[in-house]
């Protein structure tokens, strides 16, 4: 989650920059003019992996806004059905932009980040999104609660577009040694954490807006 000062800086960066994506080597964060790795993926509402670049390339426009936010509250009844209240507040920016550019050559992709570092406060096992294996009952239960509660935000109108899901917090993974995932996390890759601002000090670093060109 973000302070208001950092959130404003990210929004300003989104409005002023012409191309932000990322080319990643270990320890390098995505920045203006770089290229998103082909390996980057998110999940759809069924939990199946989807290439982020394929979502960008499938759009009819070369201009894409990617909104990475703290997603579903796992059914605990938080405002907007979202665990991150900064993200809940910033959904009004997304709704405004979607409305302003409706019918124009701008496309929007929303990616919900899982509450990987505090799942125990939302009624699920601690670190379940970081440590439990994909086919475990505890991960499946937490995954389904996360997806269902995020979709509730869409159904209520808080999210104006269909969300995708970062079930393991791969896009915004915190580099701190004490925040690292366990064996159940799966394969580690250099791009994981690349969407996190280099100077970010918050656990999650959401919400975050990115303006991405597919050229």
N, C-alpha and C. Protein backbone atom coordinates (compact mmCIF):
# COMPACT_ATOMS: atom_id res chain seq x y z
N UNK A 1 0.84 -1.19 0.00
CA UNK A 1 0.00 0.00 0.00
C UNK A 1 0.88 1.24 0.00
N UNK A 2 0.36 2.35 -0.51
CA UNK A 2 1.18 3.52 -0.75
C UNK A 2 0.78 4.69 0.09
N UNK A 3 1.73 5.57 0.34
CA UNK A 3 1.40 6.86 0.88
C UNK A 3 0.81 7.72 -0.22
N UNK A 4 0.10 8.78 0.15
CA UNK A 4 -0.51 9.65 -0.86
C UNK A 4 0.55 10.30 -1.74
N UNK A 5 1.68 10.65 -1.17
CA UNK A 5 2.74 11.33 -1.93
C UNK A 5 3.24 10.44 -3.05
N UNK A 6 3.54 9.18 -2.75
CA UNK A 6 4.04 8.28 -3.77
C UNK A 6 2.97 7.97 -4.80
N UNK A 7 1.74 7.84 -4.34
CA UNK A 7 0.66 7.55 -5.28
C UNK A 7 0.51 8.68 -6.30
N UNK A 8 0.62 9.92 -5.86
CA UNK A 8 0.53 11.05 -6.77
C UNK A 8 1.69 11.04 -7.76
N UNK A 9 2.87 10.70 -7.30
CA UNK A 9 4.04 10.64 -8.19
C UNK A 9 3.81 9.61 -9.29
N UNK A 10 3.26 8.46 -8.95
CA UNK A 10 3.03 7.43 -9.96
C UNK A 10 1.98 7.88 -10.96
N UNK A 11 0.95 8.55 -10.49
CA UNK A 11 -0.09 9.02 -11.41
C UNK A 11 0.48 10.07 -12.35
N UNK A 12 1.31 10.97 -11.82
CA UNK A 12 1.94 11.98 -12.65
C UNK A 12 2.84 11.34 -13.69
N UNK A 13 3.58 10.35 -13.29
CA UNK A 13 4.45 9.63 -14.22
C UNK A 13 3.62 9.00 -15.33
N UNK A 14 2.49 8.41 -14.96
CA UNK A 14 1.60 7.81 -15.95
C UNK A 14 1.12 8.85 -16.97
N UNK A 15 0.76 10.02 -16.47
CA UNK A 15 0.18 11.03 -17.36
C UNK A 15 1.22 11.67 -18.28
N UNK A 16 2.48 11.75 -17.82
CA UNK A 16 3.49 12.47 -18.58
C UNK A 16 4.35 11.58 -19.46
N UNK A 17 4.46 10.30 -19.13
CA UNK A 17 5.36 9.43 -19.87
C UNK A 17 4.69 8.86 -21.10
N UNK A 18 5.48 8.63 -22.15
CA UNK A 18 4.90 8.12 -23.38
C UNK A 18 5.02 6.61 -23.50
N UNK A 19 5.95 5.99 -22.76
CA UNK A 19 6.11 4.54 -22.84
C UNK A 19 6.80 4.04 -21.59
N UNK A 20 6.10 3.21 -20.82
CA UNK A 20 6.72 2.60 -19.64
C UNK A 20 6.43 1.11 -19.70
N UNK A 21 7.48 0.30 -19.67
CA UNK A 21 7.32 -1.13 -19.59
C UNK A 21 8.56 -1.66 -18.91
N UNK A 22 9.15 -2.76 -19.35
CA UNK A 22 10.35 -3.16 -18.67
C UNK A 22 11.16 -4.25 -19.30
N UNK A 23 12.46 -4.09 -19.37
CA UNK A 23 13.41 -5.11 -19.70
C UNK A 23 14.11 -5.44 -18.42
N UNK A 24 14.19 -6.71 -18.03
CA UNK A 24 14.58 -7.02 -16.66
C UNK A 24 15.79 -7.92 -16.59
N UNK A 25 16.73 -7.50 -15.81
CA UNK A 25 17.80 -8.37 -15.33
C UNK A 25 17.71 -8.29 -13.82
N UNK A 26 18.28 -9.26 -13.12
CA UNK A 26 18.12 -9.31 -11.68
C UNK A 26 18.58 -7.99 -11.05
N UNK A 27 17.73 -7.40 -10.18
CA UNK A 27 18.06 -6.16 -9.54
C UNK A 27 17.69 -4.93 -10.34
N UNK A 28 17.17 -5.08 -11.56
CA UNK A 28 16.78 -3.96 -12.40
C UNK A 28 15.25 -3.88 -12.42
N UNK A 29 14.73 -2.68 -12.23
CA UNK A 29 13.28 -2.49 -12.21
C UNK A 29 12.82 -1.90 -13.53
N UNK A 30 11.58 -2.21 -13.89
CA UNK A 30 11.03 -1.68 -15.13
C UNK A 30 11.06 -0.16 -15.10
N UNK A 31 11.35 0.41 -16.26
CA UNK A 31 11.46 1.85 -16.36
C UNK A 31 11.08 2.28 -17.76
N UNK A 32 11.06 3.58 -17.99
CA UNK A 32 10.64 4.12 -19.28
C UNK A 32 11.54 3.63 -20.41
N UNK A 33 10.89 3.17 -21.49
CA UNK A 33 11.61 2.78 -22.68
C UNK A 33 12.11 1.35 -22.72
N UNK A 34 11.87 0.55 -21.67
CA UNK A 34 12.29 -0.84 -21.69
C UNK A 34 11.14 -1.74 -22.11
N UNK A 35 11.36 -3.05 -22.13
CA UNK A 35 10.41 -3.99 -22.75
C UNK A 35 10.00 -5.08 -21.76
N UNK A 36 8.72 -5.35 -21.69
CA UNK A 36 8.22 -6.39 -20.80
C UNK A 36 8.68 -7.76 -21.27
N UNK A 37 9.17 -8.56 -20.35
CA UNK A 37 9.61 -9.91 -20.67
C UNK A 37 8.45 -10.75 -21.19
N UNK A 38 8.72 -11.59 -22.17
CA UNK A 38 7.70 -12.50 -22.70
C UNK A 38 7.25 -13.52 -21.66
N UNK A 39 8.04 -13.70 -20.60
CA UNK A 39 7.72 -14.70 -19.58
C UNK A 39 6.71 -14.20 -18.56
N UNK A 40 6.43 -12.90 -18.51
CA UNK A 40 5.52 -12.34 -17.51
C UNK A 40 4.11 -12.87 -17.74
N UNK A 41 3.48 -13.35 -16.68
CA UNK A 41 2.12 -13.86 -16.82
C UNK A 41 1.27 -13.46 -15.62
N UNK A 42 -0.03 -13.47 -15.86
CA UNK A 42 -1.03 -13.26 -14.82
C UNK A 42 -2.02 -14.43 -14.94
N UNK A 43 -3.11 -14.37 -14.19
CA UNK A 43 -4.11 -15.43 -14.25
C UNK A 43 -5.46 -14.84 -14.63
N UNK A 44 -6.28 -15.65 -15.31
CA UNK A 44 -7.64 -15.22 -15.59
C UNK A 44 -8.55 -15.66 -14.44
N UNK A 45 -9.85 -15.44 -14.56
CA UNK A 45 -10.77 -15.72 -13.46
C UNK A 45 -10.91 -17.22 -13.16
N UNK A 46 -10.43 -18.07 -14.08
CA UNK A 46 -10.43 -19.50 -13.84
C UNK A 46 -9.12 -19.98 -13.21
N UNK A 47 -8.18 -19.05 -13.01
CA UNK A 47 -6.89 -19.39 -12.43
C UNK A 47 -5.86 -19.86 -13.43
N UNK A 48 -6.20 -19.80 -14.72
CA UNK A 48 -5.27 -20.23 -15.77
C UNK A 48 -4.30 -19.10 -16.11
N UNK A 49 -3.05 -19.46 -16.40
CA UNK A 49 -2.02 -18.48 -16.71
C UNK A 49 -2.25 -17.85 -18.08
N UNK A 50 -2.02 -16.52 -18.15
CA UNK A 50 -2.17 -15.76 -19.38
C UNK A 50 -0.96 -14.85 -19.51
N UNK A 51 -0.33 -14.86 -20.67
CA UNK A 51 0.81 -13.98 -20.92
C UNK A 51 0.36 -12.52 -20.89
N UNK A 52 1.05 -11.69 -20.11
CA UNK A 52 0.71 -10.27 -20.09
C UNK A 52 0.94 -9.64 -21.45
N UNK A 53 2.00 -10.02 -22.11
CA UNK A 53 2.27 -9.46 -23.44
C UNK A 53 1.19 -9.87 -24.44
N UNK A 54 0.64 -11.04 -24.29
CA UNK A 54 -0.44 -11.45 -25.20
C UNK A 54 -1.68 -10.60 -24.97
N UNK A 55 -1.94 -10.21 -23.73
CA UNK A 55 -3.07 -9.33 -23.46
C UNK A 55 -2.85 -7.96 -24.08
N UNK A 56 -1.63 -7.46 -24.01
CA UNK A 56 -1.31 -6.17 -24.60
C UNK A 56 -1.41 -6.23 -26.12
N UNK A 57 -0.85 -7.30 -26.70
CA UNK A 57 -0.83 -7.42 -28.15
C UNK A 57 -2.22 -7.65 -28.73
N UNK A 58 -3.12 -8.22 -27.94
CA UNK A 58 -4.46 -8.53 -28.43
C UNK A 58 -5.34 -7.28 -28.55
N UNK A 59 -4.90 -6.18 -27.95
CA UNK A 59 -5.70 -4.97 -27.97
C UNK A 59 -5.60 -4.30 -29.34
N UNK A 60 -6.66 -3.66 -29.81
CA UNK A 60 -6.63 -2.99 -31.12
C UNK A 60 -5.79 -1.72 -31.12
N UNK A 61 -5.48 -1.21 -29.92
CA UNK A 61 -4.69 0.02 -29.82
C UNK A 61 -3.27 -0.30 -29.43
N UNK A 62 -2.34 0.60 -29.75
CA UNK A 62 -0.96 0.47 -29.33
C UNK A 62 -0.71 1.13 -27.97
N UNK A 63 -1.75 1.70 -27.38
CA UNK A 63 -1.63 2.36 -26.08
C UNK A 63 -2.44 1.59 -25.05
N UNK A 64 -1.78 1.14 -23.99
CA UNK A 64 -2.43 0.35 -22.95
C UNK A 64 -2.11 0.94 -21.58
N UNK A 65 -3.11 1.03 -20.73
CA UNK A 65 -2.92 1.42 -19.34
C UNK A 65 -3.07 0.16 -18.49
N UNK A 66 -2.02 -0.16 -17.73
CA UNK A 66 -2.05 -1.31 -16.83
C UNK A 66 -2.15 -0.78 -15.40
N UNK A 67 -3.21 -1.18 -14.71
CA UNK A 67 -3.46 -0.78 -13.33
C UNK A 67 -3.21 -2.00 -12.44
N UNK A 68 -2.16 -1.95 -11.63
CA UNK A 68 -1.83 -3.03 -10.69
C UNK A 68 -2.29 -2.58 -9.31
N UNK A 69 -3.14 -3.35 -8.68
CA UNK A 69 -3.79 -2.90 -7.45
C UNK A 69 -3.95 -4.05 -6.45
N UNK A 70 -4.20 -3.68 -5.21
CA UNK A 70 -4.48 -4.67 -4.18
C UNK A 70 -5.89 -5.20 -4.37
N UNK A 71 -6.02 -6.48 -4.65
CA UNK A 71 -7.29 -7.06 -5.08
C UNK A 71 -8.23 -7.48 -3.98
N UNK A 72 -8.96 -8.56 -4.22
CA UNK A 72 -10.07 -8.96 -3.36
C UNK A 72 -9.70 -9.18 -1.90
N UNK A 73 -10.67 -8.85 -1.02
CA UNK A 73 -10.46 -8.92 0.43
C UNK A 73 -10.73 -10.31 1.01
N UNK A 74 -10.85 -11.31 0.15
CA UNK A 74 -11.09 -12.71 0.56
C UNK A 74 -12.43 -12.87 1.27
N UNK A 75 -13.35 -11.93 1.00
CA UNK A 75 -14.68 -12.05 1.56
C UNK A 75 -14.84 -11.49 2.95
N UNK A 76 -13.91 -10.65 3.41
CA UNK A 76 -13.96 -10.14 4.78
C UNK A 76 -14.77 -8.85 4.92
N UNK A 77 -15.30 -8.31 3.83
CA UNK A 77 -16.19 -7.17 3.93
C UNK A 77 -15.54 -5.81 4.01
N UNK A 78 -14.34 -5.66 3.48
CA UNK A 78 -13.68 -4.37 3.45
C UNK A 78 -14.31 -3.47 2.38
N UNK A 79 -14.16 -2.15 2.49
CA UNK A 79 -14.76 -1.25 1.50
C UNK A 79 -14.33 -1.58 0.08
N UNK A 80 -15.31 -1.66 -0.82
CA UNK A 80 -15.03 -1.96 -2.21
C UNK A 80 -14.64 -3.39 -2.49
N UNK A 81 -14.69 -4.25 -1.48
CA UNK A 81 -14.29 -5.66 -1.59
C UNK A 81 -12.79 -5.82 -1.84
N UNK A 82 -11.99 -4.78 -1.59
CA UNK A 82 -10.55 -4.83 -1.86
C UNK A 82 -9.76 -4.76 -0.56
N UNK A 83 -8.67 -5.54 -0.47
CA UNK A 83 -7.87 -5.54 0.76
C UNK A 83 -7.03 -4.28 0.91
N UNK A 84 -6.68 -3.62 -0.17
CA UNK A 84 -5.84 -2.41 -0.14
C UNK A 84 -6.73 -1.18 -0.29
N UNK A 85 -6.83 -0.39 0.77
CA UNK A 85 -7.73 0.75 0.72
C UNK A 85 -7.18 1.90 -0.14
N UNK A 86 -5.86 2.00 -0.29
CA UNK A 86 -5.31 2.95 -1.26
C UNK A 86 -5.75 2.59 -2.67
N UNK A 87 -5.75 1.29 -2.96
CA UNK A 87 -6.22 0.84 -4.27
C UNK A 87 -7.70 1.14 -4.45
N UNK A 88 -8.47 0.90 -3.41
CA UNK A 88 -9.90 1.22 -3.47
C UNK A 88 -10.11 2.69 -3.80
N UNK A 89 -9.36 3.57 -3.14
CA UNK A 89 -9.49 5.00 -3.40
C UNK A 89 -9.08 5.35 -4.84
N UNK A 90 -8.07 4.67 -5.36
CA UNK A 90 -7.57 5.00 -6.70
C UNK A 90 -8.37 4.36 -7.82
N UNK A 91 -9.31 3.48 -7.49
CA UNK A 91 -10.16 2.94 -8.55
C UNK A 91 -10.99 4.05 -9.20
N UNK A 92 -11.21 5.16 -8.49
CA UNK A 92 -11.97 6.24 -9.11
C UNK A 92 -11.18 6.85 -10.28
N UNK A 93 -9.84 6.83 -10.19
CA UNK A 93 -9.02 7.30 -11.30
C UNK A 93 -9.20 6.38 -12.50
N UNK A 94 -9.18 5.06 -12.23
CA UNK A 94 -9.39 4.10 -13.31
C UNK A 94 -10.76 4.29 -13.94
N UNK A 95 -11.79 4.44 -13.12
CA UNK A 95 -13.14 4.63 -13.66
C UNK A 95 -13.21 5.90 -14.50
N UNK A 96 -12.56 6.96 -14.03
CA UNK A 96 -12.57 8.22 -14.78
C UNK A 96 -11.87 8.07 -16.12
N UNK A 97 -10.72 7.41 -16.12
CA UNK A 97 -9.96 7.23 -17.36
C UNK A 97 -10.72 6.34 -18.35
N UNK A 98 -11.28 5.24 -17.85
CA UNK A 98 -12.04 4.35 -18.73
C UNK A 98 -13.21 5.09 -19.36
N UNK A 99 -13.90 5.90 -18.56
CA UNK A 99 -15.01 6.66 -19.10
C UNK A 99 -14.57 7.71 -20.10
N UNK A 100 -13.46 8.40 -19.81
CA UNK A 100 -12.99 9.47 -20.68
C UNK A 100 -12.54 8.94 -22.03
N UNK A 101 -11.91 7.76 -22.04
CA UNK A 101 -11.33 7.23 -23.28
C UNK A 101 -12.18 6.12 -23.91
N UNK A 102 -13.41 5.97 -23.44
CA UNK A 102 -14.30 4.97 -24.04
C UNK A 102 -14.48 5.26 -25.53
N UNK A 103 -14.28 4.22 -26.34
CA UNK A 103 -14.42 4.37 -27.78
C UNK A 103 -13.21 4.96 -28.46
N UNK A 104 -12.17 5.28 -27.70
CA UNK A 104 -10.94 5.83 -28.27
C UNK A 104 -9.84 4.78 -28.23
N UNK A 105 -8.71 5.11 -28.82
CA UNK A 105 -7.64 4.12 -29.00
C UNK A 105 -6.77 3.97 -27.76
N UNK A 106 -7.42 3.74 -26.62
CA UNK A 106 -6.72 3.47 -25.37
C UNK A 106 -7.38 2.27 -24.72
N UNK A 107 -6.59 1.28 -24.30
CA UNK A 107 -7.12 0.08 -23.68
C UNK A 107 -6.60 -0.06 -22.26
N UNK A 108 -7.36 -0.76 -21.44
CA UNK A 108 -7.07 -0.85 -20.01
C UNK A 108 -6.99 -2.31 -19.57
N UNK A 109 -5.99 -2.60 -18.75
CA UNK A 109 -5.83 -3.93 -18.15
C UNK A 109 -5.64 -3.73 -16.65
N UNK A 110 -6.46 -4.39 -15.85
CA UNK A 110 -6.38 -4.32 -14.39
C UNK A 110 -5.86 -5.66 -13.86
N UNK A 111 -4.83 -5.60 -13.01
CA UNK A 111 -4.25 -6.81 -12.43
C UNK A 111 -4.33 -6.72 -10.91
N UNK A 112 -5.06 -7.64 -10.31
CA UNK A 112 -5.25 -7.67 -8.86
C UNK A 112 -4.12 -8.44 -8.19
N UNK A 113 -3.45 -7.78 -7.24
CA UNK A 113 -2.37 -8.41 -6.49
C UNK A 113 -2.93 -9.09 -5.24
N UNK A 114 -2.47 -10.31 -4.97
CA UNK A 114 -2.93 -11.05 -3.81
C UNK A 114 -2.34 -10.49 -2.52
N UNK A 115 -3.04 -10.64 -1.39
CA UNK A 115 -2.54 -10.17 -0.09
C UNK A 115 -1.52 -11.14 0.49
N UNK A 116 -0.41 -11.28 -0.19
CA UNK A 116 0.54 -12.35 0.11
C UNK A 116 1.20 -12.21 1.48
N UNK A 117 1.37 -10.98 1.97
CA UNK A 117 2.11 -10.77 3.21
C UNK A 117 1.22 -10.65 4.45
N UNK A 118 -0.10 -10.66 4.26
CA UNK A 118 -0.97 -10.59 5.45
C UNK A 118 -2.25 -11.40 5.26
N UNK A 119 -2.16 -12.51 4.57
CA UNK A 119 -3.35 -13.33 4.33
C UNK A 119 -3.99 -13.83 5.62
N UNK A 120 -3.19 -13.96 6.69
CA UNK A 120 -3.72 -14.46 7.96
C UNK A 120 -4.70 -13.48 8.59
N UNK A 121 -4.58 -12.17 8.28
CA UNK A 121 -5.52 -11.20 8.84
C UNK A 121 -6.83 -11.16 8.06
N UNK A 122 -6.88 -11.90 6.96
CA UNK A 122 -8.09 -11.95 6.12
C UNK A 122 -8.72 -13.34 6.13
N UNK A 123 -8.39 -14.11 7.15
CA UNK A 123 -9.06 -15.39 7.35
C UNK A 123 -8.46 -16.58 6.64
N UNK A 124 -7.27 -16.43 6.05
CA UNK A 124 -6.59 -17.53 5.37
C UNK A 124 -5.25 -17.81 6.07
N UNK A 125 -4.64 -18.96 5.82
CA UNK A 125 -3.35 -19.25 6.46
C UNK A 125 -2.29 -18.21 6.12
N UNK A 126 -1.39 -17.97 7.04
CA UNK A 126 -0.28 -17.04 6.82
C UNK A 126 0.56 -17.50 5.64
N UNK A 127 0.92 -16.56 4.76
CA UNK A 127 1.81 -16.78 3.63
C UNK A 127 1.29 -17.85 2.66
N UNK A 128 -0.01 -18.07 2.63
CA UNK A 128 -0.55 -19.12 1.77
C UNK A 128 -0.28 -18.83 0.29
N UNK A 129 -0.27 -17.57 -0.11
CA UNK A 129 -0.01 -17.22 -1.51
C UNK A 129 1.48 -17.30 -1.86
N UNK A 130 2.33 -17.36 -0.84
CA UNK A 130 3.77 -17.43 -1.07
C UNK A 130 4.34 -18.83 -0.91
N UNK A 131 3.78 -19.61 -0.01
CA UNK A 131 4.42 -20.87 0.38
C UNK A 131 3.68 -22.14 -0.03
N UNK A 132 2.35 -22.09 -0.12
CA UNK A 132 1.58 -23.29 -0.42
C UNK A 132 1.68 -23.64 -1.91
N UNK A 133 1.72 -24.94 -2.20
CA UNK A 133 1.80 -25.38 -3.59
C UNK A 133 0.46 -25.21 -4.29
N UNK A 134 0.49 -25.11 -5.61
CA UNK A 134 -0.72 -24.81 -6.38
C UNK A 134 -1.86 -25.80 -6.16
N UNK A 135 -1.52 -27.08 -6.01
CA UNK A 135 -2.58 -28.08 -5.92
C UNK A 135 -2.99 -28.41 -4.48
N UNK A 136 -2.51 -27.62 -3.51
CA UNK A 136 -2.89 -27.85 -2.12
C UNK A 136 -4.29 -27.30 -1.87
N UNK A 137 -5.00 -27.90 -0.94
CA UNK A 137 -6.35 -27.44 -0.61
C UNK A 137 -6.32 -26.02 -0.06
N UNK A 138 -5.32 -25.68 0.74
CA UNK A 138 -5.29 -24.35 1.34
C UNK A 138 -5.04 -23.26 0.29
N UNK A 139 -4.19 -23.57 -0.71
CA UNK A 139 -3.98 -22.57 -1.76
C UNK A 139 -5.22 -22.41 -2.62
N UNK A 140 -5.85 -23.50 -3.00
CA UNK A 140 -7.04 -23.43 -3.83
C UNK A 140 -8.15 -22.63 -3.14
N UNK A 141 -8.31 -22.86 -1.82
CA UNK A 141 -9.34 -22.13 -1.08
C UNK A 141 -9.05 -20.64 -1.06
N UNK A 142 -7.79 -20.28 -0.78
CA UNK A 142 -7.41 -18.87 -0.74
C UNK A 142 -7.50 -18.24 -2.13
N UNK A 143 -7.06 -18.96 -3.16
CA UNK A 143 -7.14 -18.47 -4.54
C UNK A 143 -8.58 -18.18 -4.92
N UNK A 144 -9.48 -19.12 -4.64
CA UNK A 144 -10.87 -18.94 -5.03
C UNK A 144 -11.50 -17.76 -4.29
N UNK A 145 -11.16 -17.61 -3.01
CA UNK A 145 -11.70 -16.49 -2.23
C UNK A 145 -11.18 -15.16 -2.78
N UNK A 146 -9.92 -15.15 -3.19
CA UNK A 146 -9.32 -13.93 -3.75
C UNK A 146 -9.97 -13.56 -5.08
N UNK A 147 -10.12 -14.53 -5.97
CA UNK A 147 -10.73 -14.26 -7.27
C UNK A 147 -12.19 -13.84 -7.10
N UNK A 148 -12.94 -14.58 -6.28
CA UNK A 148 -14.36 -14.28 -6.09
C UNK A 148 -14.57 -12.89 -5.51
N UNK A 149 -13.77 -12.51 -4.52
CA UNK A 149 -13.94 -11.20 -3.90
C UNK A 149 -13.50 -10.07 -4.84
N UNK A 150 -12.50 -10.32 -5.68
CA UNK A 150 -12.11 -9.31 -6.67
C UNK A 150 -13.22 -9.13 -7.70
N UNK A 151 -13.80 -10.22 -8.15
CA UNK A 151 -14.91 -10.12 -9.10
C UNK A 151 -16.11 -9.41 -8.49
N UNK A 152 -16.26 -9.52 -7.16
CA UNK A 152 -17.34 -8.80 -6.48
C UNK A 152 -17.14 -7.29 -6.62
N UNK A 153 -15.87 -6.85 -6.63
CA UNK A 153 -15.58 -5.43 -6.84
C UNK A 153 -15.98 -4.99 -8.24
N UNK A 154 -15.79 -5.87 -9.21
CA UNK A 154 -16.23 -5.55 -10.57
C UNK A 154 -17.75 -5.53 -10.64
N UNK A 155 -18.39 -6.51 -10.04
CA UNK A 155 -19.85 -6.61 -10.11
C UNK A 155 -20.54 -5.42 -9.42
N UNK A 156 -19.88 -4.86 -8.42
CA UNK A 156 -20.45 -3.71 -7.71
C UNK A 156 -20.15 -2.39 -8.40
N UNK A 157 -19.32 -2.42 -9.47
CA UNK A 157 -18.99 -1.21 -10.20
C UNK A 157 -17.74 -0.51 -9.73
N UNK A 158 -17.09 -1.02 -8.68
CA UNK A 158 -15.85 -0.42 -8.20
C UNK A 158 -14.76 -0.56 -9.27
N UNK A 159 -14.66 -1.73 -9.87
CA UNK A 159 -13.75 -1.95 -11.00
C UNK A 159 -14.57 -1.85 -12.28
N UNK A 160 -14.19 -0.96 -13.21
CA UNK A 160 -14.98 -0.78 -14.41
C UNK A 160 -14.66 -1.76 -15.53
N UNK A 161 -13.65 -2.60 -15.34
CA UNK A 161 -13.25 -3.56 -16.36
C UNK A 161 -12.98 -4.91 -15.72
N UNK A 162 -12.91 -5.94 -16.55
CA UNK A 162 -12.61 -7.29 -16.09
C UNK A 162 -11.19 -7.34 -15.51
N UNK A 163 -11.03 -7.84 -14.30
CA UNK A 163 -9.67 -7.93 -13.73
C UNK A 163 -8.97 -9.23 -14.10
N UNK A 164 -7.65 -9.17 -14.12
CA UNK A 164 -6.80 -10.36 -14.12
C UNK A 164 -6.13 -10.44 -12.75
N UNK A 165 -5.37 -11.50 -12.50
CA UNK A 165 -4.95 -11.79 -11.14
C UNK A 165 -3.47 -12.16 -11.07
N UNK A 166 -2.79 -11.57 -10.09
CA UNK A 166 -1.42 -11.94 -9.77
C UNK A 166 -1.49 -12.75 -8.47
N UNK A 167 -1.68 -14.04 -8.61
CA UNK A 167 -2.00 -14.90 -7.48
C UNK A 167 -0.85 -15.09 -6.49
N UNK A 168 0.37 -14.87 -6.95
CA UNK A 168 1.55 -15.07 -6.10
C UNK A 168 2.33 -13.78 -5.84
N UNK A 169 1.77 -12.65 -6.23
CA UNK A 169 2.44 -11.35 -6.10
C UNK A 169 3.75 -11.33 -6.87
N UNK A 170 3.78 -11.98 -8.01
CA UNK A 170 5.02 -12.03 -8.79
C UNK A 170 5.41 -10.68 -9.36
N UNK A 171 4.43 -9.88 -9.80
CA UNK A 171 4.75 -8.60 -10.43
C UNK A 171 5.36 -7.62 -9.44
N UNK A 172 4.89 -7.66 -8.19
CA UNK A 172 5.30 -6.67 -7.18
C UNK A 172 6.07 -7.31 -6.03
N UNK A 173 6.69 -8.44 -6.26
CA UNK A 173 7.37 -9.18 -5.20
C UNK A 173 8.39 -8.31 -4.47
N UNK A 174 8.30 -8.31 -3.15
CA UNK A 174 9.19 -7.51 -2.32
C UNK A 174 10.57 -8.17 -2.27
N UNK A 175 11.66 -7.42 -2.55
CA UNK A 175 12.99 -8.03 -2.57
C UNK A 175 13.60 -8.27 -1.19
N UNK A 176 12.96 -7.78 -0.14
CA UNK A 176 13.52 -7.96 1.21
C UNK A 176 13.69 -9.45 1.52
N UNK A 177 14.83 -9.84 2.10
CA UNK A 177 15.06 -11.26 2.40
C UNK A 177 13.95 -11.90 3.23
N UNK A 178 13.38 -11.15 4.17
CA UNK A 178 12.34 -11.74 5.02
C UNK A 178 10.99 -11.85 4.31
N UNK A 179 10.89 -11.29 3.10
CA UNK A 179 9.65 -11.35 2.34
C UNK A 179 9.68 -12.42 1.24
N UNK A 180 10.73 -13.18 1.16
CA UNK A 180 10.87 -14.11 0.05
C UNK A 180 9.96 -15.33 0.20
N UNK A 181 9.44 -15.84 -0.92
CA UNK A 181 8.51 -16.99 -0.88
C UNK A 181 9.22 -18.29 -0.60
N UNK A 182 8.39 -19.30 -0.22
CA UNK A 182 8.91 -20.62 0.07
C UNK A 182 8.89 -21.53 -1.15
N UNK A 183 9.12 -22.81 -0.90
CA UNK A 183 9.26 -23.78 -1.98
C UNK A 183 7.99 -23.93 -2.80
N UNK A 184 6.83 -23.73 -2.19
CA UNK A 184 5.58 -23.90 -2.90
C UNK A 184 5.29 -22.81 -3.91
N UNK A 185 6.06 -21.74 -3.90
CA UNK A 185 5.86 -20.60 -4.80
C UNK A 185 6.04 -20.97 -6.25
N UNK A 186 6.92 -21.91 -6.52
CA UNK A 186 7.19 -22.31 -7.90
C UNK A 186 8.47 -21.68 -8.41
N UNK A 187 8.64 -21.75 -9.71
CA UNK A 187 9.87 -21.29 -10.34
C UNK A 187 10.10 -19.80 -10.11
N UNK A 188 11.32 -19.45 -9.75
CA UNK A 188 11.70 -18.05 -9.60
C UNK A 188 12.26 -17.54 -10.93
N UNK A 189 11.97 -16.30 -11.23
CA UNK A 189 12.42 -15.71 -12.48
C UNK A 189 12.88 -14.28 -12.23
N UNK A 190 13.78 -13.79 -13.08
CA UNK A 190 14.33 -12.45 -12.90
C UNK A 190 13.28 -11.36 -12.99
N UNK A 191 12.21 -11.57 -13.76
CA UNK A 191 11.22 -10.51 -13.94
C UNK A 191 10.31 -10.33 -12.73
N UNK A 192 10.32 -11.27 -11.81
CA UNK A 192 9.42 -11.18 -10.67
C UNK A 192 9.86 -10.03 -9.74
N UNK A 193 8.94 -9.12 -9.49
CA UNK A 193 9.22 -7.92 -8.73
C UNK A 193 9.61 -6.74 -9.59
N UNK A 194 9.66 -6.92 -10.91
CA UNK A 194 10.14 -5.87 -11.80
C UNK A 194 9.17 -4.70 -11.93
N UNK A 195 7.89 -4.90 -11.63
CA UNK A 195 6.93 -3.81 -11.69
C UNK A 195 6.94 -2.96 -10.42
N UNK A 196 7.73 -3.34 -9.46
CA UNK A 196 7.83 -2.61 -8.20
C UNK A 196 8.82 -1.47 -8.37
N UNK A 197 8.44 -0.26 -7.96
CA UNK A 197 9.32 0.90 -8.08
C UNK A 197 10.63 0.65 -7.32
N UNK A 198 11.73 1.08 -7.90
CA UNK A 198 13.05 0.78 -7.33
C UNK A 198 13.21 1.31 -5.91
N UNK A 199 12.65 2.48 -5.63
CA UNK A 199 12.80 3.09 -4.30
C UNK A 199 11.62 2.77 -3.37
N UNK A 200 10.76 1.84 -3.76
CA UNK A 200 9.57 1.52 -2.98
C UNK A 200 9.95 0.98 -1.60
N UNK A 201 9.31 1.50 -0.55
CA UNK A 201 9.57 1.04 0.81
C UNK A 201 8.37 0.33 1.43
N UNK A 202 7.21 0.39 0.78
CA UNK A 202 6.02 -0.29 1.30
C UNK A 202 6.11 -1.79 1.02
N UNK A 203 5.36 -2.57 1.79
CA UNK A 203 5.36 -4.01 1.59
C UNK A 203 4.98 -4.38 0.16
N UNK A 204 3.91 -3.76 -0.35
CA UNK A 204 3.32 -4.18 -1.62
C UNK A 204 3.63 -3.26 -2.80
N UNK A 205 3.67 -1.97 -2.60
CA UNK A 205 3.91 -1.04 -3.71
C UNK A 205 2.73 -0.84 -4.61
N UNK A 206 1.51 -1.15 -4.16
CA UNK A 206 0.30 -0.92 -4.94
C UNK A 206 -0.50 0.19 -4.27
N UNK A 207 -1.31 0.91 -5.07
CA UNK A 207 -1.61 0.75 -6.50
C UNK A 207 -0.53 1.38 -7.38
N UNK A 208 -0.50 0.96 -8.64
CA UNK A 208 0.49 1.46 -9.59
C UNK A 208 -0.12 1.50 -10.99
N UNK A 209 0.04 2.62 -11.68
CA UNK A 209 -0.40 2.77 -13.05
C UNK A 209 0.81 2.72 -14.00
N UNK A 210 0.66 1.99 -15.10
CA UNK A 210 1.71 1.92 -16.13
C UNK A 210 1.11 2.22 -17.49
N UNK A 211 1.78 3.05 -18.24
CA UNK A 211 1.39 3.32 -19.62
C UNK A 211 2.33 2.54 -20.52
N UNK A 212 1.76 1.62 -21.32
CA UNK A 212 2.56 0.66 -22.07
C UNK A 212 2.22 0.74 -23.55
N UNK A 213 3.23 0.83 -24.37
CA UNK A 213 3.06 0.76 -25.82
C UNK A 213 3.46 -0.63 -26.30
N UNK A 214 2.69 -1.20 -27.23
CA UNK A 214 3.05 -2.52 -27.76
C UNK A 214 3.91 -2.44 -29.01
N UNK A 215 4.41 -1.26 -29.34
CA UNK A 215 5.27 -1.10 -30.50
C UNK A 215 6.71 -1.41 -30.16
